[in-house]
Amino acid sequence: MGKLIIRNETENDYGTVENITRNAFWNINVPGCCEHYLAHILRGHKDFVPELDLVAELDGRIIGNIMYTKALLIDENGAEKEILTFGPVCIAPEFQRRGYGKRLIEYSLKKAAEMGYGAVVIFGHPSNYISMGFKSCKKYNVSVSGGGYPCAMLVMELADGFLDGGKWVYRESAAYDFDEKDAEEYDKKFPPKEKGYRKSQEEFYIYSRSVLK
C-alpha cells in the first residue's frame, strides 16, 4: 500500500472527482448514474459543508472523495437538531476493497465530531457501514416522514447520548433534490459510457424499498 493522504477538495480537483464518482457508480444502482452531477451541484448549496469535502490521495493521485451536507432531526414537539449526512462517497473502482474507503469515512467522521456535530444519518447498504459503528435508524427512533424505518437508513451518534430519549423524523437537505433530466444533460460533458443492467441494481432496488417493522 502506498501513502494515503486525506485533504480538502480544491477547485482544481473538481473534474477528477466527478470522473471518479461517475466511474464508481456507473450501472451500480441503476443504469448509468447521477452521483457525479450530484457532486457538481452540492458544492454550491447552502447546506454543503466545505470543511468535510475531502479527497483521498494515494501517492499523489486522487482515488476517492466524500461530501457532507447538513440535515435535520425533528422531535415530536417540533424541536430541531442540526446533524449531518454524507454522499456521494466513492473510491475509484481499481482501488476498491483495499480499505481506502473506510479510512476516508472514518477520518471524516472524526473531523465532524471535532467540529461539534452530534450525529450522522445516511442511506446505504448496511454491510458497508455497520463495521464503522452505524446502526439501524430504528434503534435510535429516527424515522422518515410518515413514520417508516427504512432498512437502508443508518445512524451514528458522534456524541454519546445525543439522541437519547427522543423520537425523531429525519429531514434531508433540499440539496439532494434535482431533476434527472438535468443530470442527463450534464453527463453529456463526459466521455460516452454504455448504460446497462447489473445484478447490484436488483439489490439496490430491494434495500431502497425495504422498511423495518
Protein backbone atom coordinates (compact mmCIF):
# COMPACT_ATOMS: atom_id res chain seq x y z
CA MET A 1 0.00 0.00 0.00
CA GLY A 2 1.24 3.47 -0.87
CA LYS A 3 0.98 6.65 1.13
CA LEU A 4 -2.61 7.81 1.58
CA ILE A 5 -3.29 11.48 2.28
CA ILE A 6 -6.76 12.81 3.09
CA ARG A 7 -7.22 16.51 2.42
CA ASN A 8 -9.84 19.04 1.43
CA GLU A 9 -11.00 19.10 -2.17
CA THR A 10 -9.87 22.14 -4.18
CA GLU A 11 -11.42 23.65 -7.29
CA ASN A 12 -8.66 22.07 -9.38
CA ASP A 13 -9.88 18.66 -8.19
CA TYR A 14 -13.49 19.04 -9.35
CA GLY A 15 -13.13 17.37 -12.74
CA THR A 16 -11.10 14.47 -11.38
CA VAL A 17 -13.51 13.89 -8.51
CA GLU A 18 -16.56 13.90 -10.77
CA ASN A 19 -14.93 11.44 -13.17
CA ILE A 20 -14.06 9.10 -10.30
CA THR A 21 -17.57 9.42 -8.91
CA ARG A 22 -19.09 8.65 -12.29
CA ASN A 23 -16.87 5.61 -12.81
CA ALA A 24 -17.53 4.32 -9.29
CA PHE A 25 -21.34 4.49 -9.55
CA TRP A 26 -21.93 3.76 -13.23
CA ASN A 27 -24.55 0.99 -13.60
CA ILE A 28 -24.18 0.01 -9.92
CA ASN A 29 -27.56 1.14 -8.54
CA VAL A 30 -29.39 1.98 -11.77
CA PRO A 31 -28.43 2.04 -15.45
CA GLY A 32 -25.97 4.92 -15.70
CA CYS A 33 -25.74 7.19 -12.64
CA CYS A 34 -26.40 10.71 -11.35
CA GLU A 35 -23.89 10.88 -8.50
CA HIS A 36 -21.32 12.91 -10.45
CA TYR A 37 -23.99 15.51 -11.18
CA LEU A 38 -24.93 15.48 -7.51
CA ALA A 39 -21.31 16.20 -6.57
CA HIS A 40 -21.39 19.10 -9.03
CA ILE A 41 -24.49 20.76 -7.59
CA LEU A 42 -23.80 20.10 -3.90
CA ARG A 43 -20.75 22.36 -3.81
CA GLY A 44 -22.84 25.48 -4.35
CA HIS A 45 -25.66 24.65 -1.93
CA LYS A 46 -26.13 26.44 1.40
CA ASP A 47 -26.23 23.13 3.30
CA PHE A 48 -22.91 21.93 1.88
CA VAL A 49 -20.10 21.61 4.45
CA PRO A 50 -16.83 22.60 2.72
CA GLU A 51 -14.70 21.51 5.69
CA LEU A 52 -15.92 17.94 5.15
CA ASP A 53 -15.47 17.91 1.37
CA LEU A 54 -12.49 15.56 1.34
CA VAL A 55 -10.41 13.65 -1.18
CA ALA A 56 -8.24 10.58 -0.65
CA GLU A 57 -4.93 10.94 -2.46
CA LEU A 58 -2.69 7.88 -2.95
CA ASP A 59 0.90 8.62 -3.94
CA GLY A 60 -0.24 11.96 -5.39
CA ARG A 61 -3.24 10.55 -7.27
CA ILE A 62 -6.82 11.26 -6.18
CA ILE A 63 -8.63 7.95 -5.73
CA GLY A 64 -11.73 8.92 -3.76
CA ASN A 65 -13.98 11.59 -2.32
CA ILE A 66 -16.61 12.19 0.34
CA MET A 67 -19.05 15.12 0.65
CA TYR A 68 -21.25 16.16 3.56
CA THR A 69 -24.35 18.29 3.88
CA LYS A 70 -26.32 19.49 6.86
CA ALA A 71 -29.63 17.79 7.67
CA LEU A 72 -32.24 17.98 10.43
CA LEU A 73 -33.82 15.75 13.04
CA ILE A 74 -37.20 16.95 14.29
CA ASP A 75 -38.71 15.64 17.54
CA GLU A 76 -42.37 15.18 18.48
CA ASN A 77 -42.58 18.76 19.77
CA GLY A 78 -41.19 20.24 16.59
CA ALA A 79 -37.75 20.98 18.06
CA GLU A 80 -34.92 20.62 15.56
CA LYS A 81 -31.38 19.31 15.82
CA GLU A 82 -28.88 20.02 13.07
CA ILE A 83 -26.96 16.92 12.04
CA LEU A 84 -25.04 15.68 9.01
CA THR A 85 -25.38 13.28 6.14
CA PHE A 86 -22.78 12.25 3.61
CA GLY A 87 -22.87 11.25 -0.01
CA PRO A 88 -21.76 10.78 -2.59
CA VAL A 89 -18.79 8.87 -1.22
CA CYS A 90 -16.65 6.75 -3.51
CA ILE A 91 -13.33 5.14 -4.29
CA ALA A 92 -12.14 4.64 -7.86
CA PRO A 93 -13.09 1.09 -8.97
CA GLU A 94 -9.48 -0.06 -9.39
CA PHE A 95 -8.72 0.85 -5.76
CA GLN A 96 -11.83 -0.58 -4.10
CA ARG A 97 -11.81 -3.33 -1.46
CA ARG A 98 -8.45 -2.24 -0.06
CA GLY A 99 -9.69 -0.31 2.95
CA TYR A 100 -9.27 3.16 1.49
CA GLY A 101 -12.98 3.97 1.63
CA LYS A 102 -13.22 3.00 5.28
CA ARG A 103 -10.20 5.15 6.13
CA LEU A 104 -11.71 8.11 4.31
CA ILE A 105 -15.08 7.76 6.03
CA GLU A 106 -13.61 7.24 9.49
CA TYR A 107 -11.34 10.27 9.06
CA SER A 108 -14.32 12.41 8.03
CA LEU A 109 -16.45 11.21 10.96
CA LYS A 110 -13.69 12.09 13.42
CA LYS A 111 -13.41 15.55 11.88
CA ALA A 112 -17.20 16.00 12.01
CA ALA A 113 -17.18 15.14 15.72
CA GLU A 114 -14.37 17.63 16.32
CA MET A 115 -16.50 20.28 14.61
CA GLY A 116 -19.23 19.67 17.19
CA TYR A 117 -21.77 17.67 15.19
CA GLY A 118 -23.68 15.11 17.25
CA ALA A 119 -24.94 12.58 14.70
CA VAL A 120 -24.79 11.42 11.10
CA VAL A 121 -27.67 9.83 9.19
CA ILE A 122 -27.03 8.13 5.86
CA PHE A 123 -28.68 5.85 3.34
CA GLY A 124 -26.54 2.91 2.32
CA HIS A 125 -26.04 -0.83 2.29
CA PRO A 126 -25.83 -1.87 5.97
CA SER A 127 -22.98 -4.33 5.38
CA ASN A 128 -20.79 -1.46 4.14
CA TYR A 129 -21.24 0.66 7.27
CA ILE A 130 -22.02 -1.35 10.41
CA SER A 131 -18.33 -2.17 10.92
CA MET A 132 -17.72 1.58 11.35
CA GLY A 133 -20.37 1.89 14.06
CA PHE A 134 -23.51 2.77 12.12
CA LYS A 135 -26.73 1.21 13.40
CA SER A 136 -30.29 0.82 12.19
CA CYS A 137 -32.28 4.03 12.36
CA LYS A 138 -34.94 2.22 14.37
CA LYS A 139 -32.54 1.71 17.29
CA TYR A 140 -32.36 5.48 17.64
CA ASN A 141 -36.07 6.11 16.92
CA VAL A 142 -35.18 8.01 13.75
CA SER A 143 -37.84 7.66 11.07
CA VAL A 144 -38.66 9.24 7.75
CA SER A 145 -41.71 11.44 7.33
CA GLY A 146 -44.76 9.24 7.85
CA GLY A 147 -43.10 7.07 10.47
CA GLY A 148 -41.26 4.42 8.45
CA TYR A 149 -37.86 2.97 9.31
CA PRO A 150 -36.05 2.21 6.04
CA CYS A 151 -33.58 -0.68 6.16
CA ALA A 152 -31.03 1.46 4.35
CA MET A 153 -31.26 4.42 6.76
CA LEU A 154 -28.38 4.18 9.20
CA VAL A 155 -27.41 6.35 12.15
CA MET A 156 -24.21 7.07 14.04
CA GLU A 157 -24.00 9.14 17.20
CA LEU A 158 -20.88 11.27 17.23
CA ALA A 159 -21.61 12.49 20.77
CA ASP A 160 -22.79 9.98 23.37
CA GLY A 161 -26.43 10.46 24.30
CA PHE A 162 -27.11 13.00 21.56
CA LEU A 163 -30.29 11.16 20.54
CA ASP A 164 -31.30 9.71 23.91
CA GLY A 165 -34.96 9.79 24.84
CA GLY A 166 -36.18 11.30 21.60
CA LYS A 167 -38.35 10.20 18.73
CA TRP A 168 -37.07 11.82 15.57
CA VAL A 169 -38.06 12.45 11.98
CA TYR A 170 -35.22 12.84 9.52
CA ARG A 171 -35.33 15.71 7.04
CA GLU A 172 -32.79 15.56 4.25
CA SER A 173 -31.35 18.72 2.73
CA ALA A 174 -33.06 20.07 -0.37
CA ALA A 175 -29.59 19.88 -1.93
CA TYR A 176 -30.40 16.30 -2.94
CA ASP A 177 -33.49 17.29 -4.91
CA PHE A 178 -32.68 17.54 -8.59
CA ASP A 179 -34.19 16.87 -11.99
CA GLU A 180 -32.83 13.71 -13.60
CA LYS A 181 -33.08 15.44 -16.98
CA ASP A 182 -30.55 17.98 -15.76
CA ALA A 183 -28.30 15.12 -14.69
CA GLU A 184 -28.63 13.51 -18.11
CA GLU A 185 -27.70 16.78 -19.78
CA TYR A 186 -24.69 17.25 -17.51
CA ASP A 187 -23.50 13.73 -18.28
CA LYS A 188 -23.02 14.74 -21.93
CA LYS A 189 -19.91 16.64 -20.81
CA PHE A 190 -18.19 13.31 -20.09
CA PRO A 191 -16.91 10.57 -22.43
CA PRO A 192 -19.76 8.30 -23.57
CA LYS A 193 -20.45 5.23 -21.42
CA GLU A 194 -22.97 2.50 -22.12
CA LYS A 195 -25.84 2.10 -19.69
CA GLY A 196 -26.67 -1.45 -18.75
CA TYR A 197 -28.03 -3.87 -16.17
CA ARG A 198 -26.01 -5.33 -13.30
CA LYS A 199 -27.21 -7.65 -10.55
CA SER A 200 -26.30 -4.99 -7.98
CA GLN A 201 -29.23 -2.93 -9.28
CA GLU A 202 -31.69 -5.53 -8.02
CA GLU A 203 -30.04 -5.48 -4.59
CA PHE A 204 -30.28 -1.69 -4.54
CA TYR A 205 -33.96 -1.89 -5.54
CA ILE A 206 -34.72 -4.27 -2.66
CA TYR A 207 -32.80 -2.37 0.03
CA SER A 208 -34.00 1.06 -1.04
CA ARG A 209 -37.65 -0.03 -0.70
CA SER A 210 -37.44 -2.23 2.41
CA VAL A 211 -38.77 -0.97 5.74
CA LEU A 212 -38.31 -2.33 9.27
CA LYS A 213 -41.33 -3.07 11.44
